Amino acid sequence: MRLENTGLEGVSVDIKPLDRVMGQHAFILGEHWDYDRVTYDYRIGSQEKNITYYIRIQGEAVEGDVDKKNAVIQLKTPLLGKHYYPHGVEYGEEENFPENLIERANKLISKLKEELKQYQK
């Protein structure tokens, strides 16, 4: 599920402060980065059997290289996903997400946006 109109999409930030702020909010830099892209995931446990939710924030380098830690990253629209063990994460619009989970995700993204303001390019 795309979390639209959060104000995070299109924000550009140097990768070093971005990594630090994301880490302070428990977003983990995914191992699938390449020279041009990054992915940060926030894990949310669930009482449903074999279900875990994730907030995913992706970004793309508009300058520099991710691996050299000199990139300026432009963030994309955050996603809310549901992980089905052992199959993987689904981000489709047909997934059902609890309203309180969507509110929690939006609040967390709002905090990130506010904190990243000082580092925006």
PDB file of N, CA and C in Angstrom:
ATOM      1  N   MET A   1       0.852  -1.165   0.000  1.00  0.00           N
ATOM      2  CA  MET A   1       0.000   0.000   0.000  1.00  0.00           C
ATOM      3  C   MET A   1       0.898   1.229   0.000  1.00  0.00           C
ATOM      4  N   ARG A   2       0.637   2.124  -0.909  1.00  0.00           N
ATOM      5  CA  ARG A   2       1.382   3.376  -0.955  1.00  0.00           C
ATOM      6  C   ARG A   2       0.806   4.329   0.084  1.00  0.00           C
ATOM      7  N   LEU A   3       1.685   4.943   0.859  1.00  0.00           N
ATOM      8  CA  LEU A   3       1.274   5.938   1.859  1.00  0.00           C
ATOM      9  C   LEU A   3       1.437   7.313   1.210  1.00  0.00           C
ATOM     10  N   GLU A   4       0.392   7.743   0.548  1.00  0.00           N
ATOM     11  CA  GLU A   4       0.410   8.969  -0.258  1.00  0.00           C
ATOM     12  C   GLU A   4       0.354  10.225   0.607  1.00  0.00           C
ATOM     13  N   ASN A   5       0.835  11.316   0.022  1.00  0.00           N
ATOM     14  CA  ASN A   5       0.727  12.659   0.604  1.00  0.00           C
ATOM     15  C   ASN A   5       1.353  12.787   1.994  1.00  0.00           C
ATOM     16  N   THR A   6       2.472  12.106   2.205  1.00  0.00           N
ATOM     17  CA  THR A   6       3.158  12.198   3.491  1.00  0.00           C
ATOM     18  C   THR A   6       4.108  13.391   3.531  1.00  0.00           C
ATOM     19  N   GLY A   7       4.442  13.928   2.357  1.00  0.00           N
ATOM     20  CA  GLY A   7       5.410  15.008   2.285  1.00  0.00           C
ATOM     21  C   GLY A   7       6.837  14.511   2.224  1.00  0.00           C
ATOM     22  N   LEU A   8       7.041  13.205   2.338  1.00  0.00           N
ATOM     23  CA  LEU A   8       8.387  12.641   2.293  1.00  0.00           C
ATOM     24  C   LEU A   8       8.837  12.404   0.856  1.00  0.00           C
ATOM     25  N   GLU A   9       7.879  12.091  -0.015  1.00  0.00           N
ATOM     26  CA  GLU A   9       8.236  11.804  -1.390  1.00  0.00           C
ATOM     27  C   GLU A   9       8.813  13.065  -2.054  1.00  0.00           C
ATOM     28  N   GLY A  10       9.955  12.872  -2.734  1.00  0.00           N
ATOM     29  CA  GLY A  10      10.622  13.979  -3.411  1.00  0.00           C
ATOM     30  C   GLY A  10      11.646  14.711  -2.560  1.00  0.00           C
ATOM     31  N   VAL A  11      11.698  14.441  -1.265  1.00  0.00           N
ATOM     32  CA  VAL A  11      12.677  15.078  -0.382  1.00  0.00           C
ATOM     33  C   VAL A  11      14.068  14.555  -0.738  1.00  0.00           C
ATOM     34  N   SER A  12      15.038  15.473  -0.858  1.00  0.00           N
ATOM     35  CA  SER A  12      16.418  15.096  -1.157  1.00  0.00           C
ATOM     36  C   SER A  12      17.308  15.415   0.041  1.00  0.00           C
ATOM     37  N   VAL A  13      18.142  14.423   0.430  1.00  0.00           N
ATOM     38  CA  VAL A  13      18.982  14.528   1.623  1.00  0.00           C
ATOM     39  C   VAL A  13      20.309  13.818   1.357  1.00  0.00           C
ATOM     40  N   ASP A  14      21.420  14.363   1.908  1.00  0.00           N
ATOM     41  CA  ASP A  14      22.697  13.655   1.855  1.00  0.00           C
ATOM     42  C   ASP A  14      22.555  12.323   2.583  1.00  0.00           C
ATOM     43  N   ILE A  15      23.234  11.311   2.076  1.00  0.00           N
ATOM     44  CA  ILE A  15      23.056   9.963   2.614  1.00  0.00           C
ATOM     45  C   ILE A  15      23.525   9.807   4.058  1.00  0.00           C
ATOM     46  N   LYS A  16      24.579  10.505   4.471  1.00  0.00           N
ATOM     47  CA  LYS A  16      25.074  10.326   5.837  1.00  0.00           C
ATOM     48  C   LYS A  16      24.056  10.763   6.886  1.00  0.00           C
ATOM     49  N   PRO A  17      23.499  11.978   6.810  1.00  0.00           N
ATOM     50  CA  PRO A  17      22.476  12.316   7.805  1.00  0.00           C
ATOM     51  C   PRO A  17      21.199  11.487   7.622  1.00  0.00           C
ATOM     52  N   LEU A  18      20.889  11.099   6.395  1.00  0.00           N
ATOM     53  CA  LEU A  18      19.715  10.258   6.147  1.00  0.00           C
ATOM     54  C   LEU A  18      19.873   8.917   6.864  1.00  0.00           C
ATOM     55  N   ASP A  19      21.034   8.276   6.707  1.00  0.00           N
ATOM     56  CA  ASP A  19      21.284   6.999   7.387  1.00  0.00           C
ATOM     57  C   ASP A  19      21.155   7.154   8.903  1.00  0.00           C
ATOM     58  N   ARG A  20      21.703   8.249   9.438  1.00  0.00           N
ATOM     59  CA  ARG A  20      21.678   8.457  10.888  1.00  0.00           C
ATOM     60  C   ARG A  20      20.250   8.652  11.397  1.00  0.00           C
ATOM     61  N   VAL A  21      19.484   9.512  10.735  1.00  0.00           N
ATOM     62  CA  VAL A  21      18.102   9.780  11.164  1.00  0.00           C
ATOM     63  C   VAL A  21      17.250   8.523  11.034  1.00  0.00           C
ATOM     64  N   MET A  22      17.396   7.815   9.931  1.00  0.00           N
ATOM     65  CA  MET A  22      16.608   6.596   9.749  1.00  0.00           C
ATOM     66  C   MET A  22      16.951   5.576  10.832  1.00  0.00           C
ATOM     67  N   GLY A  23      18.219   5.442  11.156  1.00  0.00           N
ATOM     68  CA  GLY A  23      18.640   4.511  12.197  1.00  0.00           C
ATOM     69  C   GLY A  23      18.097   4.899  13.565  1.00  0.00           C
ATOM     70  N   GLN A  24      18.029   6.193  13.854  1.00  0.00           N
ATOM     71  CA  GLN A  24      17.486   6.659  15.131  1.00  0.00           C
ATOM     72  C   GLN A  24      16.012   6.323  15.282  1.00  0.00           C
ATOM     73  N   HIS A  25      15.337   6.130  14.149  1.00  0.00           N
ATOM     74  CA  HIS A  25      13.908   5.791  14.170  1.00  0.00           C
ATOM     75  C   HIS A  25      13.675   4.311  13.868  1.00  0.00           C
ATOM     76  N   ALA A  26      14.722   3.500  14.013  1.00  0.00           N
ATOM     77  CA  ALA A  26      14.660   2.039  13.868  1.00  0.00           C
ATOM     78  C   ALA A  26      14.385   1.571  12.434  1.00  0.00           C
ATOM     79  N   PHE A  27      14.689   2.405  11.445  1.00  0.00           N
ATOM     80  CA  PHE A  27      14.640   1.975  10.054  1.00  0.00           C
ATOM     81  C   PHE A  27      16.000   1.372   9.722  1.00  0.00           C
ATOM     82  N   ILE A  28      15.992   0.184   9.166  1.00  0.00           N
ATOM     83  CA  ILE A  28      17.210  -0.550   8.846  1.00  0.00           C
ATOM     84  C   ILE A  28      17.493  -0.414   7.352  1.00  0.00           C
ATOM     85  N   LEU A  29      18.731  -0.049   7.023  1.00  0.00           N
ATOM     86  CA  LEU A  29      19.135   0.025   5.628  1.00  0.00           C
ATOM     87  C   LEU A  29      19.189  -1.384   5.064  1.00  0.00           C
ATOM     88  N   GLY A  30      18.417  -1.617   4.018  1.00  0.00           N
ATOM     89  CA  GLY A  30      18.339  -2.946   3.419  1.00  0.00           C
ATOM     90  C   GLY A  30      19.635  -3.340   2.738  1.00  0.00           C
ATOM     91  N   GLU A  31      19.839  -4.614   2.639  1.00  0.00           N
ATOM     92  CA  GLU A  31      21.049  -5.128   2.007  1.00  0.00           C
ATOM     93  C   GLU A  31      20.980  -5.076   0.493  1.00  0.00           C
ATOM     94  N   HIS A  32      19.866  -4.652  -0.083  1.00  0.00           N
ATOM     95  CA  HIS A  32      19.723  -4.663  -1.533  1.00  0.00           C
ATOM     96  C   HIS A  32      20.080  -3.316  -2.143  1.00  0.00           C
ATOM     97  N   TRP A  33      20.911  -2.527  -1.490  1.00  0.00           N
ATOM     98  CA  TRP A  33      21.303  -1.262  -2.079  1.00  0.00           C
ATOM     99  C   TRP A  33      22.181  -1.526  -3.295  1.00  0.00           C
ATOM    100  N   ASP A  34      22.258  -0.535  -4.155  1.00  0.00           N
ATOM    101  CA  ASP A  34      23.251  -0.570  -5.221  1.00  0.00           C
ATOM    102  C   ASP A  34      23.842   0.832  -5.305  1.00  0.00           C
ATOM    103  N   TYR A  35      24.489   1.166  -6.372  1.00  0.00           N
ATOM    104  CA  TYR A  35      25.156   2.463  -6.472  1.00  0.00           C
ATOM    105  C   TYR A  35      24.164   3.621  -6.541  1.00  0.00           C
ATOM    106  N   ASP A  36      22.930   3.322  -6.921  1.00  0.00           N
ATOM    107  CA  ASP A  36      21.942   4.375  -7.151  1.00  0.00           C
ATOM    108  C   ASP A  36      20.732   4.344  -6.229  1.00  0.00           C
ATOM    109  N   ARG A  37      20.529   3.274  -5.463  1.00  0.00           N
ATOM    110  CA  ARG A  37      19.288   3.143  -4.692  1.00  0.00           C
ATOM    111  C   ARG A  37      19.544   2.669  -3.270  1.00  0.00           C
ATOM    112  N   VAL A  38      18.623   3.068  -2.383  1.00  0.00           N
ATOM    113  CA  VAL A  38      18.634   2.581  -1.001  1.00  0.00           C
ATOM    114  C   VAL A  38      17.211   2.191  -0.615  1.00  0.00           C
ATOM    115  N   THR A  39      17.116   1.301   0.355  1.00  0.00           N
ATOM    116  CA  THR A  39      15.828   0.878   0.897  1.00  0.00           C
ATOM    117  C   THR A  39      15.963   0.792   2.408  1.00  0.00           C
ATOM    118  N   TYR A  40      15.037   1.444   3.119  1.00  0.00           N
ATOM    119  CA  TYR A  40      14.998   1.394   4.576  1.00  0.00           C
ATOM    120  C   TYR A  40      13.698   0.711   4.991  1.00  0.00           C
ATOM    121  N   ASP A  41      13.790  -0.227   5.924  1.00  0.00           N
ATOM    122  CA  ASP A  41      12.612  -0.956   6.399  1.00  0.00           C
ATOM    123  C   ASP A  41      12.445  -0.794   7.900  1.00  0.00           C
ATOM    124  N   TYR A  42      11.201  -0.655   8.301  1.00  0.00           N
ATOM    125  CA  TYR A  42      10.816  -0.580   9.714  1.00  0.00           C
ATOM    126  C   TYR A  42       9.881  -1.757   9.967  1.00  0.00           C
ATOM    127  N   ARG A  43      10.242  -2.622  10.883  1.00  0.00           N
ATOM    128  CA  ARG A  43       9.478  -3.844  11.162  1.00  0.00           C
ATOM    129  C   ARG A  43       8.465  -3.597  12.269  1.00  0.00           C
ATOM    130  N   ILE A  44       7.230  -4.053  12.030  1.00  0.00           N
ATOM    131  CA  ILE A  44       6.157  -3.940  13.021  1.00  0.00           C
ATOM    132  C   ILE A  44       5.599  -5.334  13.261  1.00  0.00           C
ATOM    133  N   GLY A  45       5.753  -5.817  14.475  1.00  0.00           N
ATOM    134  CA  GLY A  45       5.234  -7.141  14.823  1.00  0.00           C
ATOM    135  C   GLY A  45       3.714  -7.163  14.810  1.00  0.00           C
ATOM    136  N   SER A  46       3.172  -8.347  14.752  1.00  0.00           N
ATOM    137  CA  SER A  46       1.721  -8.518  14.703  1.00  0.00           C
ATOM    138  C   SER A  46       1.322  -9.707  15.560  1.00  0.00           C
ATOM    139  N   GLN A  47       0.113  -9.655  16.084  1.00  0.00           N
ATOM    140  CA  GLN A  47      -0.401 -10.789  16.843  1.00  0.00           C
ATOM    141  C   GLN A  47      -0.973 -11.859  15.926  1.00  0.00           C
ATOM    142  N   GLU A  48      -1.102 -11.534  14.632  1.00  0.00           N
ATOM    143  CA  GLU A  48      -1.561 -12.522  13.662  1.00  0.00           C
ATOM    144  C   GLU A  48      -0.443 -13.548  13.442  1.00  0.00           C
ATOM    145  N   LYS A  49      -0.817 -14.793  13.340  1.00  0.00           N
ATOM    146  CA  LYS A  49       0.173 -15.853  13.170  1.00  0.00           C
ATOM    147  C   LYS A  49       0.898 -15.701  11.829  1.00  0.00           C
ATOM    148  N   ASN A  50       2.239 -15.727  11.890  1.00  0.00           N
ATOM    149  CA  ASN A  50       3.109 -15.662  10.714  1.00  0.00           C
ATOM    150  C   ASN A  50       2.949 -14.392   9.878  1.00  0.00           C
ATOM    151  N   ILE A  51       2.519 -13.297  10.495  1.00  0.00           N
ATOM    152  CA  ILE A  51       2.357 -12.022   9.785  1.00  0.00           C
ATOM    153  C   ILE A  51       3.221 -10.966  10.469  1.00  0.00           C
ATOM    154  N   THR A  52       3.965 -10.237   9.665  1.00  0.00           N
ATOM    155  CA  THR A  52       4.737  -9.093  10.117  1.00  0.00           C
ATOM    156  C   THR A  52       4.497  -7.971   9.119  1.00  0.00           C
ATOM    157  N   TYR A  53       4.379  -6.748   9.609  1.00  0.00           N
ATOM    158  CA  TYR A  53       4.189  -5.595   8.737  1.00  0.00           C
ATOM    159  C   TYR A  53       5.500  -4.834   8.607  1.00  0.00           C
ATOM    160  N   TYR A  54       5.663  -4.146   7.488  1.00  0.00           N
ATOM    161  CA  TYR A  54       6.852  -3.343   7.244  1.00  0.00           C
ATOM    162  C   TYR A  54       6.461  -2.010   6.640  1.00  0.00           C
ATOM    163  N   ILE A  55       7.163  -0.972   7.084  1.00  0.00           N
ATOM    164  CA  ILE A  55       7.119   0.316   6.391  1.00  0.00           C
ATOM    165  C   ILE A  55       8.407   0.352   5.588  1.00  0.00           C
ATOM    166  N   ARG A  56       8.300   0.596   4.315  1.00  0.00           N
ATOM    167  CA  ARG A  56       9.478   0.649   3.444  1.00  0.00           C
ATOM    168  C   ARG A  56       9.584   2.040   2.836  1.00  0.00           C
ATOM    169  N   ILE A  57      10.784   2.598   2.965  1.00  0.00           N
ATOM    170  CA  ILE A  57      11.075   3.883   2.340  1.00  0.00           C
ATOM    171  C   ILE A  57      12.249   3.671   1.406  1.00  0.00           C
ATOM    172  N   GLN A  58      12.026   3.983   0.141  1.00  0.00           N
ATOM    173  CA  GLN A  58      13.048   3.801  -0.877  1.00  0.00           C
ATOM    174  C   GLN A  58      13.558   5.167  -1.318  1.00  0.00           C
ATOM    175  N   GLY A  59      14.777   5.174  -1.817  1.00  0.00           N
ATOM    176  CA  GLY A  59      15.343   6.398  -2.336  1.00  0.00           C
ATOM    177  C   GLY A  59      16.281   6.113  -3.482  1.00  0.00           C
ATOM    178  N   GLU A  60      16.506   7.155  -4.275  1.00  0.00           N
ATOM    179  CA  GLU A  60      17.383   7.023  -5.429  1.00  0.00           C
ATOM    180  C   GLU A  60      18.394   8.160  -5.414  1.00  0.00           C
ATOM    181  N   ALA A  61      19.645   7.838  -5.737  1.00  0.00           N
ATOM    182  CA  ALA A  61      20.696   8.853  -5.769  1.00  0.00           C
ATOM    183  C   ALA A  61      20.476   9.786  -6.959  1.00  0.00           C
ATOM    184  N   VAL A  62      20.446  11.076  -6.676  1.00  0.00           N
ATOM    185  CA  VAL A  62      20.358  12.071  -7.744  1.00  0.00           C
ATOM    186  C   VAL A  62      21.731  12.706  -7.976  1.00  0.00           C
ATOM    187  N   GLU A  63      22.657  12.445  -7.046  1.00  0.00           N
ATOM    188  CA  GLU A  63      24.063  12.850  -7.158  1.00  0.00           C
ATOM    189  C   GLU A  63      24.893  11.826  -6.406  1.00  0.00           C
ATOM    190  N   GLY A  64      26.131  11.591  -6.855  1.00  0.00           N
ATOM    191  CA  GLY A  64      27.069  10.747  -6.123  1.00  0.00           C
ATOM    192  C   GLY A  64      26.721   9.269  -6.158  1.00  0.00           C
ATOM    193  N   ASP A  65      27.452   8.505  -5.304  1.00  0.00           N
ATOM    194  CA  ASP A  65      27.285   7.054  -5.225  1.00  0.00           C
ATOM    195  C   ASP A  65      26.936   6.638  -3.806  1.00  0.00           C
ATOM    196  N   VAL A  66      25.999   5.716  -3.689  1.00  0.00           N
ATOM    197  CA  VAL A  66      25.579   5.203  -2.389  1.00  0.00           C
ATOM    198  C   VAL A  66      26.747   4.521  -1.683  1.00  0.00           C
ATOM    199  N   ASP A  67      27.489   3.688  -2.403  1.00  0.00           N
ATOM    200  CA  ASP A  67      28.569   2.928  -1.767  1.00  0.00           C
ATOM    201  C   ASP A  67      29.711   3.807  -1.281  1.00  0.00           C
ATOM    202  N   LYS A  68      29.904   4.965  -1.870  1.00  0.00           N
ATOM    203  CA  LYS A  68      30.966   5.880  -1.443  1.00  0.00           C
ATOM    204  C   LYS A  68      30.479   6.836  -0.348  1.00  0.00           C
ATOM    205  N   LYS A  69      29.203   6.724  -0.011  1.00  0.00           N
ATOM    206  CA  LYS A  69      28.585   7.561   1.022  1.00  0.00           C
ATOM    207  C   LYS A  69      28.687   9.054   0.698  1.00  0.00           C
ATOM    208  N   ASN A  70      28.636   9.386  -0.613  1.00  0.00           N
ATOM    209  CA  ASN A  70      28.636  10.785  -1.013  1.00  0.00           C
ATOM    210  C   ASN A  70      27.399  11.133  -1.841  1.00  0.00           C
ATOM    211  N   ALA A  71      26.370  10.306  -1.734  1.00  0.00           N
ATOM    212  CA  ALA A  71      25.164  10.476  -2.541  1.00  0.00           C
ATOM    213  C   ALA A  71      24.179  11.448  -1.894  1.00  0.00           C
ATOM    214  N   VAL A  72      23.439  12.120  -2.770  1.00  0.00           N
ATOM    215  CA  VAL A  72      22.247  12.855  -2.363  1.00  0.00           C
ATOM    216  C   VAL A  72      21.085  11.960  -2.777  1.00  0.00           C
ATOM    217  N   ILE A  73      20.263  11.594  -1.809  1.00  0.00           N
ATOM    218  CA  ILE A  73      19.173  10.647  -2.040  1.00  0.00           C
ATOM    219  C   ILE A  73      17.841  11.379  -2.124  1.00  0.00           C
ATOM    220  N   GLN A  74      17.078  11.081  -3.164  1.00  0.00           N
ATOM    221  CA  GLN A  74      15.715  11.598  -3.284  1.00  0.00           C
ATOM    222  C   GLN A  74      14.764  10.479  -2.880  1.00  0.00           C
ATOM    223  N   LEU A  75      13.936  10.755  -1.881  1.00  0.00           N
ATOM    224  CA  LEU A  75      13.047   9.734  -1.329  1.00  0.00           C
ATOM    225  C   LEU A  75      11.798   9.569  -2.178  1.00  0.00           C
ATOM    226  N   LYS A  76      11.271   8.344  -2.163  1.00  0.00           N
ATOM    227  CA  LYS A  76      10.057   7.995  -2.913  1.00  0.00           C
ATOM    228  C   LYS A  76       8.881   7.838  -1.949  1.00  0.00           C
ATOM    229  N   THR A  77       7.719   7.595  -2.486  1.00  0.00           N
ATOM    230  CA  THR A  77       6.516   7.397  -1.683  1.00  0.00           C
ATOM    231  C   THR A  77       6.682   6.183  -0.777  1.00  0.00           C
ATOM    232  N   PRO A  78       6.499   6.351   0.542  1.00  0.00           N
ATOM    233  CA  PRO A  78       6.626   5.214   1.467  1.00  0.00           C
ATOM    234  C   PRO A  78       5.577   4.132   1.172  1.00  0.00           C
ATOM    235  N   LEU A  79       5.937   2.901   1.516  1.00  0.00           N
ATOM    236  CA  LEU A  79       5.056   1.752   1.305  1.00  0.00           C
ATOM    237  C   LEU A  79       4.775   1.066   2.634  1.00  0.00           C
ATOM    238  N   LEU A  80       3.594   0.493   2.726  1.00  0.00           N
ATOM    239  CA  LEU A  80       3.234  -0.336   3.872  1.00  0.00           C
ATOM    240  C   LEU A  80       3.007  -1.734   3.322  1.00  0.00           C
ATOM    241  N   GLY A  81       3.726  -2.709   3.877  1.00  0.00           N
ATOM    242  CA  GLY A  81       3.644  -4.067   3.369  1.00  0.00           C
ATOM    243  C   GLY A  81       3.325  -5.075   4.454  1.00  0.00           C
ATOM    244  N   LYS A  82       2.886  -6.226   4.004  1.00  0.00           N
ATOM    245  CA  LYS A  82       2.517  -7.321   4.898  1.00  0.00           C
ATOM    246  C   LYS A  82       3.337  -8.537   4.496  1.00  0.00           C
ATOM    247  N   HIS A  83       4.130  -9.056   5.446  1.00  0.00           N
ATOM    248  CA  HIS A  83       4.974 -10.211   5.167  1.00  0.00           C
ATOM    249  C   HIS A  83       4.235 -11.488   5.546  1.00  0.00           C
ATOM    250  N   TYR A  84       4.145 -12.366   4.581  1.00  0.00           N
ATOM    251  CA  TYR A  84       3.543 -13.679   4.792  1.00  0.00           C
ATOM    252  C   TYR A  84       4.662 -14.708   4.838  1.00  0.00           C
ATOM    253  N   TYR A  85       4.857 -15.328   5.982  1.00  0.00           N
ATOM    254  CA  TYR A  85       5.888 -16.347   6.097  1.00  0.00           C
ATOM    255  C   TYR A  85       5.413 -17.607   5.390  1.00  0.00           C
ATOM    256  N   PRO A  86       6.182 -18.240   4.599  1.00  0.00           N
ATOM    257  CA  PRO A  86       7.542 -17.970   4.147  1.00  0.00           C
ATOM    258  C   PRO A  86       7.597 -17.312   2.775  1.00  0.00           C
ATOM    259  N   HIS A  87       6.523 -16.701   2.315  1.00  0.00           N
ATOM    260  CA  HIS A  87       6.430 -16.259   0.920  1.00  0.00           C
ATOM    261  C   HIS A  87       7.042 -14.895   0.623  1.00  0.00           C
ATOM    262  N   GLY A  88       6.974 -13.959   1.541  1.00  0.00           N
ATOM    263  CA  GLY A  88       7.549 -12.644   1.285  1.00  0.00           C
ATOM    264  C   GLY A  88       6.574 -11.523   1.598  1.00  0.00           C
ATOM    265  N   VAL A  89       6.983 -10.313   1.234  1.00  0.00           N
ATOM    266  CA  VAL A  89       6.216  -9.106   1.543  1.00  0.00           C
ATOM    267  C   VAL A  89       5.340  -8.723   0.365  1.00  0.00           C
ATOM    268  N   GLU A  90       4.083  -8.399   0.656  1.00  0.00           N
ATOM    269  CA  GLU A  90       3.138  -7.933  -0.351  1.00  0.00           C
ATOM    270  C   GLU A  90       2.816  -6.475  -0.057  1.00  0.00           C
ATOM    271  N   TYR A  91       2.905  -5.622  -1.079  1.00  0.00           N
ATOM    272  CA  TYR A  91       2.619  -4.190  -0.930  1.00  0.00           C
ATOM    273  C   TYR A  91       1.368  -3.779  -1.707  1.00  0.00           C
ATOM    274  N   GLY A  92       0.644  -4.727  -2.246  1.00  0.00           N
ATOM    275  CA  GLY A  92      -0.491  -4.446  -3.107  1.00  0.00           C
ATOM    276  C   GLY A  92      -1.634  -3.717  -2.420  1.00  0.00           C
ATOM    277  N   GLU A  93      -2.378  -2.997  -3.210  1.00  0.00           N
ATOM    278  CA  GLU A  93      -3.535  -2.238  -2.718  1.00  0.00           C
ATOM    279  C   GLU A  93      -4.655  -3.164  -2.243  1.00  0.00           C
ATOM    280  N   GLU A  94      -4.643  -4.417  -2.673  1.00  0.00           N
ATOM    281  CA  GLU A  94      -5.695  -5.358  -2.274  1.00  0.00           C
ATOM    282  C   GLU A  94      -5.471  -5.913  -0.865  1.00  0.00           C
ATOM    283  N   GLU A  95      -4.315  -5.611  -0.269  1.00  0.00           N
ATOM    284  CA  GLU A  95      -4.051  -6.049   1.102  1.00  0.00           C
ATOM    285  C   GLU A  95      -4.893  -5.240   2.078  1.00  0.00           C
ATOM    286  N   ASN A  96      -5.296  -5.874   3.168  1.00  0.00           N
ATOM    287  CA  ASN A  96      -6.039  -5.177   4.216  1.00  0.00           C
ATOM    288  C   ASN A  96      -5.097  -4.846   5.360  1.00  0.00           C
ATOM    289  N   PHE A  97      -5.075  -3.577   5.741  1.00  0.00           N
ATOM    290  CA  PHE A  97      -4.224  -3.119   6.836  1.00  0.00           C
ATOM    291  C   PHE A  97      -5.103  -2.510   7.917  1.00  0.00           C
ATOM    292  N   PRO A  98      -4.847  -2.837   9.173  1.00  0.00           N
ATOM    293  CA  PRO A  98      -5.614  -2.232  10.260  1.00  0.00           C
ATOM    294  C   PRO A  98      -5.442  -0.709  10.262  1.00  0.00           C
ATOM    295  N   GLU A  99      -6.508   0.002  10.551  1.00  0.00           N
ATOM    296  CA  GLU A  99      -6.481   1.471  10.539  1.00  0.00           C
ATOM    297  C   GLU A  99      -5.439   2.019  11.518  1.00  0.00           C
ATOM    298  N   ASN A 100      -5.326   1.387  12.702  1.00  0.00           N
ATOM    299  CA  ASN A 100      -4.343   1.873  13.672  1.00  0.00           C
ATOM    300  C   ASN A 100      -2.908   1.696  13.159  1.00  0.00           C
ATOM    301  N   LEU A 101      -2.661   0.695  12.330  1.00  0.00           N
ATOM    302  CA  LEU A 101      -1.351   0.489  11.738  1.00  0.00           C
ATOM    303  C   LEU A 101      -1.044   1.596  10.725  1.00  0.00           C
ATOM    304  N   ILE A 102      -2.016   1.961   9.928  1.00  0.00           N
ATOM    305  CA  ILE A 102      -1.837   3.035   8.951  1.00  0.00           C
ATOM    306  C   ILE A 102      -1.571   4.357   9.668  1.00  0.00           C
ATOM    307  N   GLU A 103      -2.305   4.615  10.745  1.00  0.00           N
ATOM    308  CA  GLU A 103      -2.086   5.833  11.535  1.00  0.00           C
ATOM    309  C   GLU A 103      -0.686   5.834  12.136  1.00  0.00           C
ATOM    310  N   ARG A 104      -0.255   4.713  12.681  1.00  0.00           N
ATOM    311  CA  ARG A 104       1.077   4.601  13.268  1.00  0.00           C
ATOM    312  C   ARG A 104       2.151   4.870  12.220  1.00  0.00           C
ATOM    313  N   ALA A 105       1.982   4.291  11.037  1.00  0.00           N
ATOM    314  CA  ALA A 105       2.945   4.489   9.951  1.00  0.00           C
ATOM    315  C   ALA A 105       3.011   5.959   9.552  1.00  0.00           C
ATOM    316  N   ASN A 106       1.861   6.602   9.418  1.00  0.00           N
ATOM    317  CA  ASN A 106       1.834   8.011   9.029  1.00  0.00           C
ATOM    318  C   ASN A 106       2.467   8.911  10.093  1.00  0.00           C
ATOM    319  N   LYS A 107       2.253   8.600  11.371  1.00  0.00           N
ATOM    320  CA  LYS A 107       2.878   9.387  12.447  1.00  0.00           C
ATOM    321  C   LYS A 107       4.397   9.241  12.407  1.00  0.00           C
ATOM    322  N   LEU A 108       4.873   8.031  12.216  1.00  0.00           N
ATOM    323  CA  LEU A 108       6.311   7.793  12.163  1.00  0.00           C
ATOM    324  C   LEU A 108       6.930   8.523  10.969  1.00  0.00           C
ATOM    325  N   ILE A 109       6.287   8.461   9.840  1.00  0.00           N
ATOM    326  CA  ILE A 109       6.786   9.140   8.645  1.00  0.00           C
ATOM    327  C   ILE A 109       6.766  10.652   8.840  1.00  0.00           C
ATOM    328  N   SER A 110       5.757  11.157   9.518  1.00  0.00           N
ATOM    329  CA  SER A 110       5.685  12.596   9.811  1.00  0.00           C
ATOM    330  C   SER A 110       6.861  13.033  10.685  1.00  0.00           C
ATOM    331  N   LYS A 111       7.215  12.225  11.684  1.00  0.00           N
ATOM    332  CA  LYS A 111       8.377  12.524  12.534  1.00  0.00           C
ATOM    333  C   LYS A 111       9.659  12.537  11.708  1.00  0.00           C
ATOM    334  N   LEU A 112       9.810  11.563  10.827  1.00  0.00           N
ATOM    335  CA  LEU A 112      10.985  11.515   9.958  1.00  0.00           C
ATOM    336  C   LEU A 112      11.074  12.771   9.102  1.00  0.00           C
ATOM    337  N   LYS A 113       9.952  13.130   8.498  1.00  0.00           N
ATOM    338  CA  LYS A 113       9.920  14.303   7.623  1.00  0.00           C
ATOM    339  C   LYS A 113      10.358  15.556   8.369  1.00  0.00           C
ATOM    340  N   GLU A 114       9.854  15.735   9.579  1.00  0.00           N
ATOM    341  CA  GLU A 114      10.216  16.904  10.381  1.00  0.00           C
ATOM    342  C   GLU A 114      11.700  16.908  10.709  1.00  0.00           C
ATOM    343  N   GLU A 115      12.233  15.770  11.077  1.00  0.00           N
ATOM    344  CA  GLU A 115      13.643  15.690  11.446  1.00  0.00           C
ATOM    345  C   GLU A 115      14.558  15.870  10.238  1.00  0.00           C
ATOM    346  N   LEU A 116      14.109  15.414   9.087  1.00  0.00           N
ATOM    347  CA  LEU A 116      14.936  15.522   7.866  1.00  0.00           C
ATOM    348  C   LEU A 116      14.919  16.921   7.269  1.00  0.00           C
ATOM    349  N   LYS A 117      13.974  17.762   7.677  1.00  0.00           N
ATOM    350  CA  LYS A 117      13.869  19.116   7.128  1.00  0.00           C
ATOM    351  C   LYS A 117      15.189  19.869   7.197  1.00  0.00           C
ATOM    352  N   GLN A 118      15.879  19.752   8.299  1.00  0.00           N
ATOM    353  CA  GLN A 118      17.124  20.500   8.476  1.00  0.00           C
ATOM    354  C   GLN A 118      18.248  20.047   7.545  1.00  0.00           C
ATOM    355  N   TYR A 119      18.089  18.854   6.940  1.00  0.00           N
ATOM    356  CA  TYR A 119      19.121  18.317   6.061  1.00  0.00           C
ATOM    357  C   TYR A 119      18.740  18.366   4.585  1.00  0.00           C
ATOM    358  N   GLN A 120      17.557  18.874   4.269  1.00  0.00           N
ATOM    359  CA  GLN A 120      17.080  18.872   2.890  1.00  0.00           C
ATOM    360  C   GLN A 120      17.976  19.684   1.977  1.00  0.00           C
ATOM    361  N   LYS A 121      18.094  19.207   0.759  1.00  0.00           N
ATOM    362  CA  LYS A 121      18.862  19.893  -0.285  1.00  0.00           C
ATOM    363  C   LYS A 121      17.955  20.768  -1.103  1.00  0.00           C
TER     364      LYS A 121
END
